[in-house]
Amino acid sequence: MVLLVLLALWSLSTPGITCNLVKFMPRKSIDAITSWHPNTGREDIQSGEVLGEFRSWKRSLSKKVSMLTVPDSVPSETLTN
């Protein structure tokens, strides 16, 4: 089983929730999934500023958490299905 965490940098609770998942489910793979659009508030294109924040966010978490940046349609479809 893989746990997906939808990541938006403006969601201040996401790091804490993710850390708790690692703590309470140490044997599970956890993937944080995001796209550029919800983090930039603009088009779904890469932003150097946001990329730096992604890297900082990732450094604050366990190495068990992988982060996937995908086209905006992927998390949108995940939420509607």
C-alpha atoms as a PDB file:
ATOM      1  CA  MET A   1       0.000   0.000   0.000  1.00  0.00           C
ATOM      2  CA  VAL A   2       1.164   3.517  -0.827  1.00  0.00           C
ATOM      3  CA  LEU A   3      -0.214   6.575   0.936  1.00  0.00           C
ATOM      4  CA  LEU A   4      -0.702   9.711  -1.134  1.00  0.00           C
ATOM      5  CA  VAL A   5      -0.576  13.107   0.541  1.00  0.00           C
ATOM      6  CA  LEU A   6      -1.769  16.029  -1.562  1.00  0.00           C
ATOM      7  CA  LEU A   7       0.772  18.783  -1.018  1.00  0.00           C
ATOM      8  CA  ALA A   8       0.178  22.506  -1.208  1.00  0.00           C
ATOM      9  CA  LEU A   9       2.854  24.713   0.329  1.00  0.00           C
ATOM     10  CA  TRP A  10       0.274  27.122   1.718  1.00  0.00           C
ATOM     11  CA  SER A  11      -1.307  24.294   3.751  1.00  0.00           C
ATOM     12  CA  LEU A  12       0.570  24.679   7.014  1.00  0.00           C
ATOM     13  CA  SER A  13      -0.751  21.396   8.419  1.00  0.00           C
ATOM     14  CA  THR A  14       0.615  19.202   5.614  1.00  0.00           C
ATOM     15  CA  PRO A  15       4.151  18.749   7.051  1.00  0.00           C
ATOM     16  CA  GLY A  16       2.779  17.792  10.477  1.00  0.00           C
ATOM     17  CA  ILE A  17       0.278  15.352   9.005  1.00  0.00           C
ATOM     18  CA  THR A  18       2.990  13.812   6.842  1.00  0.00           C
ATOM     19  CA  CYS A  19       5.357  13.453   9.814  1.00  0.00           C
ATOM     20  CA  ASN A  20       2.580  11.759  11.800  1.00  0.00           C
ATOM     21  CA  LEU A  21       1.947   9.318   8.948  1.00  0.00           C
ATOM     22  CA  VAL A  22       5.644   8.384   8.917  1.00  0.00           C
ATOM     23  CA  LYS A  23       5.635   8.005  12.705  1.00  0.00           C
ATOM     24  CA  PHE A  24       2.481   5.905  12.979  1.00  0.00           C
ATOM     25  CA  MET A  25       2.880   3.899   9.768  1.00  0.00           C
ATOM     26  CA  PRO A  26       6.651   3.373   9.506  1.00  0.00           C
ATOM     27  CA  ARG A  27       6.427   0.490   7.046  1.00  0.00           C
ATOM     28  CA  LYS A  28       4.282   2.277   4.466  1.00  0.00           C
ATOM     29  CA  SER A  29       5.521   4.229   1.465  1.00  0.00           C
ATOM     30  CA  ILE A  30       4.340   7.816   1.464  1.00  0.00           C
ATOM     31  CA  ASP A  31       4.227   9.938  -1.673  1.00  0.00           C
ATOM     32  CA  ALA A  32       3.515  13.653  -1.487  1.00  0.00           C
ATOM     33  CA  ILE A  33       1.937  14.647  -4.788  1.00  0.00           C
ATOM     34  CA  THR A  34       1.577  18.193  -6.062  1.00  0.00           C
ATOM     35  CA  SER A  35       1.574  20.334  -9.174  1.00  0.00           C
ATOM     36  CA  TRP A  36       2.833  23.825  -9.881  1.00  0.00           C
ATOM     37  CA  HIS A  37      -0.555  25.539 -10.212  1.00  0.00           C
ATOM     38  CA  PRO A  38      -1.816  25.313  -6.592  1.00  0.00           C
ATOM     39  CA  ASN A  39       1.588  26.400  -5.328  1.00  0.00           C
ATOM     40  CA  THR A  40       2.203  29.322  -7.687  1.00  0.00           C
ATOM     41  CA  GLY A  41      -1.392  30.496  -8.094  1.00  0.00           C
ATOM     42  CA  ARG A  42      -0.611  30.877 -11.778  1.00  0.00           C
ATOM     43  CA  GLU A  43      -0.200  28.610 -14.752  1.00  0.00           C
ATOM     44  CA  ASP A  44       0.982  25.060 -14.247  1.00  0.00           C
ATOM     45  CA  ILE A  45       4.619  25.925 -14.994  1.00  0.00           C
ATOM     46  CA  GLN A  46       7.789  25.566 -12.949  1.00  0.00           C
ATOM     47  CA  SER A  47       8.770  28.386 -10.612  1.00  0.00           C
ATOM     48  CA  GLY A  48      12.262  28.683  -9.136  1.00  0.00           C
ATOM     49  CA  GLU A  49      10.886  30.178  -5.932  1.00  0.00           C
ATOM     50  CA  VAL A  50       8.423  27.320  -5.446  1.00  0.00           C
ATOM     51  CA  LEU A  51      11.074  24.738  -6.361  1.00  0.00           C
ATOM     52  CA  GLY A  52      13.223  26.085  -3.515  1.00  0.00           C
ATOM     53  CA  GLU A  53      10.278  25.760  -1.126  1.00  0.00           C
ATOM     54  CA  PHE A  54       9.637  22.188  -2.331  1.00  0.00           C
ATOM     55  CA  ARG A  55      13.257  21.301  -1.589  1.00  0.00           C
ATOM     56  CA  SER A  56      13.088  22.894   1.855  1.00  0.00           C
ATOM     57  CA  TRP A  57       9.830  21.061   2.606  1.00  0.00           C
ATOM     58  CA  LYS A  58      11.340  17.756   1.488  1.00  0.00           C
ATOM     59  CA  ARG A  59      14.463  18.247   3.645  1.00  0.00           C
ATOM     60  CA  SER A  60      12.246  18.661   6.699  1.00  0.00           C
ATOM     61  CA  LEU A  61      10.732  15.200   6.255  1.00  0.00           C
ATOM     62  CA  SER A  62      11.824  11.604   6.570  1.00  0.00           C
ATOM     63  CA  LYS A  63      13.661  10.048   3.644  1.00  0.00           C
ATOM     64  CA  LYS A  64      10.702   7.639   3.450  1.00  0.00           C
ATOM     65  CA  VAL A  65       8.602  10.398   1.884  1.00  0.00           C
ATOM     66  CA  SER A  66       8.971  10.909  -1.837  1.00  0.00           C
ATOM     67  CA  MET A  67       7.624  13.989  -3.565  1.00  0.00           C
ATOM     68  CA  LEU A  68       6.075  13.930  -7.011  1.00  0.00           C
ATOM     69  CA  THR A  69       5.379  17.051  -9.046  1.00  0.00           C
ATOM     70  CA  VAL A  70       2.871  16.195 -11.759  1.00  0.00           C
ATOM     71  CA  PRO A  71       0.674  18.095 -14.249  1.00  0.00           C
ATOM     72  CA  ASP A  72      -2.215  19.871 -12.527  1.00  0.00           C
ATOM     73  CA  SER A  73      -4.749  17.520 -14.124  1.00  0.00           C
ATOM     74  CA  VAL A  74      -3.416  14.532 -12.110  1.00  0.00           C
ATOM     75  CA  PRO A  75      -4.286  15.717  -8.574  1.00  0.00           C
ATOM     76  CA  SER A  76      -7.477  17.307  -9.926  1.00  0.00           C
ATOM     77  CA  GLU A  77      -8.595  13.966 -11.388  1.00  0.00           C
ATOM     78  CA  THR A  78      -7.554  12.168  -8.191  1.00  0.00           C
ATOM     79  CA  LEU A  79      -9.847  14.396  -6.141  1.00  0.00           C
ATOM     80  CA  THR A  80     -12.846  14.007  -8.450  1.00  0.00           C
ATOM     81  CA  ASN A  81     -12.668  10.218  -8.900  1.00  0.00           C
END
